[in-house]
Structures are given as C-alpha cells and as structure tokens.
Amino acid sequence: MLIRVDDLKSPAVHALLAAHLEEMHSLSPPGSVHTLPLDELRKPDVTFWTAWAGGALLGCGALKELSLQHGEVKSMRTAPEHRRRGVGRDMLLLIMGEARRRGYRRLSLETGSAPAFEPGRRLYGSLGFTCCPPFGNYVEDPHSVFMTLVL
C-alpha cells in the first residue's frame, strides 16, 4: 500500500468521496453530516491523502488545521471492497504522525453515533482517542460522537 498526498483531481477519488457523502447522508440527518466538499478539501489548511495498491484506490483521509496546536481528522474513508485490511488504521497512523510532526498538541475528530460508525469508533479508541465535548464550530448533536487525542 502506498499512501500519498493527493491533489483531488482523480475521477476515482471523486467517486470515493461522492460515495462517502451519499453514505453519510443515508446514516445521519442533513444537519449532522460534516463531510468536507472538494473545494474545502483543497484549501491550504487541509492536507488530503489517498491510499493505493496496484492502481486501485483503497481509501482516503485528511488533516485539517484548526489552530497551530490542534488538528482535525477529516474524510476518513475506506473503499468497501478493501475494508478490514488495515487501510483505515494505516491512514490514521499517518495522520497522527503528521500531526505530531507539525507540533499539534491535540488531534480531534467527529464521527457518527449510529451503529454503522462503530467500527470507526473502535479504531479511533484503539489508537488512544477518547470521547470529548464538541470542539471547533461543532455543537452537541445526538448523531455525533466527538473524540480527541492528546499528542
């Protein structure tokens, strides 16, 4: 598996992100979907990575800078046919390493509270993330779980 910074120009990446957005809207009400659209993922405060193997897109993830000491994990997605193979873990470890390299003191994320999000919550918990109150511009929402990791 090769994980690299991505310019968000590939049709395969667009399709993966569209599928991600569609699934998020099927699992959570509109006001509780916090995925970033392509134009937001291209902003200078966001670094976006993709994971590839043999020409196949395995997944993606992003790191958004909230402040000089705080980053947010965004757009974590593994293609359905590649799930349960460590793609998400490897992507999250890379994001955590980059957050440390940048000198962030905290890395946070928002994920869903529905049962479909349980594998992601388990992954985050296994790498040290714990539940926290809303951060940044988020507000309490029964459809969201907020997690953070002190680096």
Protein backbone atom coordinates (compact mmCIF):
# COMPACT_ATOMS: atom_id res chain seq x y z
CA MET A 1 0.00 0.00 0.00
CA LEU A 2 1.23 3.47 -0.93
CA ILE A 3 -0.23 6.48 0.88
CA ARG A 4 0.45 9.82 -0.78
CA VAL A 5 -0.69 13.43 -0.66
CA ASP A 6 -3.39 13.79 -3.30
CA ASP A 7 -4.42 16.73 -5.48
CA LEU A 8 -8.08 15.62 -5.61
CA LYS A 9 -8.14 15.52 -9.43
CA SER A 10 -8.65 11.78 -9.99
CA PRO A 11 -12.12 10.57 -11.02
CA ALA A 12 -11.57 7.59 -8.70
CA VAL A 13 -11.06 9.95 -5.75
CA HIS A 14 -14.15 11.95 -6.74
CA ALA A 15 -16.19 8.74 -6.88
CA LEU A 16 -14.93 7.59 -3.46
CA LEU A 17 -15.77 10.95 -1.89
CA ALA A 18 -19.20 11.01 -3.57
CA ALA A 19 -19.93 7.53 -2.20
CA HIS A 20 -18.74 8.70 1.23
CA LEU A 21 -21.09 11.69 1.15
CA GLU A 22 -24.00 9.56 -0.06
CA GLU A 23 -23.48 7.03 2.73
CA MET A 24 -23.15 9.76 5.37
CA HIS A 25 -26.49 11.24 4.25
CA SER A 26 -28.09 7.80 4.41
CA LEU A 27 -26.93 7.33 8.02
CA SER A 28 -27.34 10.81 9.53
CA PRO A 29 -29.78 13.70 9.09
CA PRO A 30 -28.53 16.58 6.87
CA GLY A 31 -27.58 18.92 9.73
CA SER A 32 -25.46 16.14 11.24
CA VAL A 33 -23.32 15.37 8.17
CA HIS A 34 -19.96 17.13 8.49
CA THR A 35 -18.06 15.89 5.44
CA LEU A 36 -15.98 18.45 3.58
CA PRO A 37 -16.80 19.10 -0.09
CA LEU A 38 -13.99 19.02 -2.67
CA ASP A 39 -13.43 22.78 -2.60
CA GLU A 40 -12.95 22.68 1.19
CA LEU A 41 -10.57 19.71 0.93
CA ARG A 42 -8.43 21.76 -1.47
CA LYS A 43 -7.94 24.66 0.96
CA PRO A 44 -4.43 25.31 2.31
CA ASP A 45 -5.40 24.34 5.88
CA VAL A 46 -6.25 20.77 4.74
CA THR A 47 -3.87 18.01 3.67
CA PHE A 48 -5.57 15.14 1.85
CA TRP A 49 -4.05 11.68 1.36
CA THR A 50 -5.08 8.64 -0.65
CA ALA A 51 -4.02 5.01 -0.27
CA TRP A 52 -3.34 2.94 -3.39
CA ALA A 53 -2.29 -0.60 -4.26
CA GLY A 54 -1.71 -1.84 -7.80
CA GLY A 55 -3.63 1.09 -9.27
CA ALA A 56 -6.63 0.55 -7.02
CA LEU A 57 -7.80 3.33 -4.72
CA LEU A 58 -8.09 1.83 -1.23
CA GLY A 59 -9.12 4.83 0.83
CA CYS A 60 -8.50 8.40 1.89
CA GLY A 61 -8.12 10.66 4.87
CA ALA A 62 -7.37 14.29 5.64
CA LEU A 63 -5.91 16.52 8.32
CA LYS A 64 -7.40 19.96 8.84
CA GLU A 65 -5.51 22.54 10.87
CA LEU A 66 -7.82 24.13 13.42
CA SER A 67 -5.02 26.08 15.10
CA LEU A 68 -1.25 25.86 15.43
CA GLN A 69 -1.79 23.32 18.23
CA HIS A 70 -4.95 21.48 17.16
CA GLY A 71 -5.76 19.36 14.12
CA GLU A 72 -8.89 17.54 12.99
CA VAL A 73 -9.14 14.18 11.22
CA LYS A 74 -11.46 14.50 8.21
CA SER A 75 -12.70 12.41 5.29
CA MET A 76 -11.64 9.01 6.60
CA ARG A 77 -12.99 6.52 4.10
CA THR A 78 -12.02 3.03 3.00
CA ALA A 79 -13.46 1.66 -0.23
CA PRO A 80 -15.96 -1.06 0.75
CA GLU A 81 -14.08 -3.79 -1.12
CA HIS A 82 -10.90 -3.00 0.86
CA ARG A 83 -12.32 -2.77 4.38
CA ARG A 84 -10.94 -4.84 7.24
CA ARG A 85 -7.44 -4.86 5.71
CA GLY A 86 -5.80 -2.12 7.77
CA VAL A 87 -6.27 0.75 5.31
CA GLY A 88 -8.04 2.96 7.85
CA ARG A 89 -5.51 2.17 10.58
CA ASP A 90 -2.55 2.93 8.33
CA MET A 91 -4.16 6.18 7.16
CA LEU A 92 -4.94 7.24 10.73
CA LEU A 93 -1.40 6.43 11.88
CA LEU A 94 -0.03 8.57 9.06
CA ILE A 95 -2.34 11.46 10.02
CA MET A 96 -1.36 11.12 13.68
CA GLY A 97 2.32 11.15 12.72
CA GLU A 98 1.87 14.26 10.60
CA ALA A 99 0.00 16.00 13.42
CA ARG A 100 2.91 15.25 15.76
CA ARG A 101 5.43 16.41 13.16
CA ARG A 102 3.56 19.72 12.90
CA GLY A 103 3.70 20.13 16.67
CA TYR A 104 -0.01 19.83 17.31
CA ARG A 105 -0.85 19.12 20.93
CA ARG A 106 -4.27 17.68 20.15
CA LEU A 107 -5.94 15.80 17.32
CA SER A 108 -9.74 15.59 17.29
CA LEU A 109 -12.50 14.18 15.13
CA GLU A 110 -16.25 13.95 14.72
CA THR A 111 -17.91 10.71 13.73
CA GLY A 112 -21.42 9.33 13.78
CA SER A 113 -23.21 7.80 16.73
CA ALA A 114 -25.20 5.22 14.69
CA PRO A 115 -24.21 1.54 14.86
CA ALA A 116 -22.71 1.74 11.35
CA PHE A 117 -19.99 4.02 12.74
CA GLU A 118 -18.97 1.57 15.50
CA PRO A 119 -16.01 0.08 13.57
CA GLY A 120 -14.57 3.57 13.13
CA ARG A 121 -15.12 4.45 16.79
CA ARG A 122 -13.36 1.21 17.79
CA LEU A 123 -10.42 2.04 15.51
CA TYR A 124 -10.09 5.54 16.97
CA GLY A 125 -10.34 4.19 20.51
CA SER A 126 -7.73 1.52 19.83
CA LEU A 127 -5.26 4.28 18.91
CA GLY A 128 -5.92 6.33 22.03
CA PHE A 129 -8.75 8.67 21.04
CA THR A 130 -11.30 9.27 23.81
CA CYS A 131 -14.72 10.91 23.79
CA CYS A 132 -14.77 14.65 24.36
CA PRO A 133 -17.17 17.58 24.15
CA PRO A 134 -17.73 19.29 20.79
CA PHE A 135 -14.74 21.28 19.57
CA GLY A 136 -14.23 23.99 16.96
CA ASN A 137 -17.58 25.01 15.45
CA TYR A 138 -19.37 21.79 16.38
CA VAL A 139 -22.31 21.71 18.78
CA GLU A 140 -23.86 18.90 20.81
CA ASP A 141 -25.68 16.54 18.46
CA PRO A 142 -27.17 13.12 19.29
CA HIS A 143 -25.98 11.92 15.87
CA SER A 144 -22.34 12.84 16.53
CA VAL A 145 -19.55 11.45 18.68
CA PHE A 146 -16.57 13.72 19.32
CA MET A 147 -13.19 12.22 20.09
CA THR A 148 -9.76 13.63 20.82
CA LEU A 149 -6.18 12.50 21.35
CA VAL A 150 -3.59 14.43 23.31
CA LEU A 151 -0.34 14.18 21.36
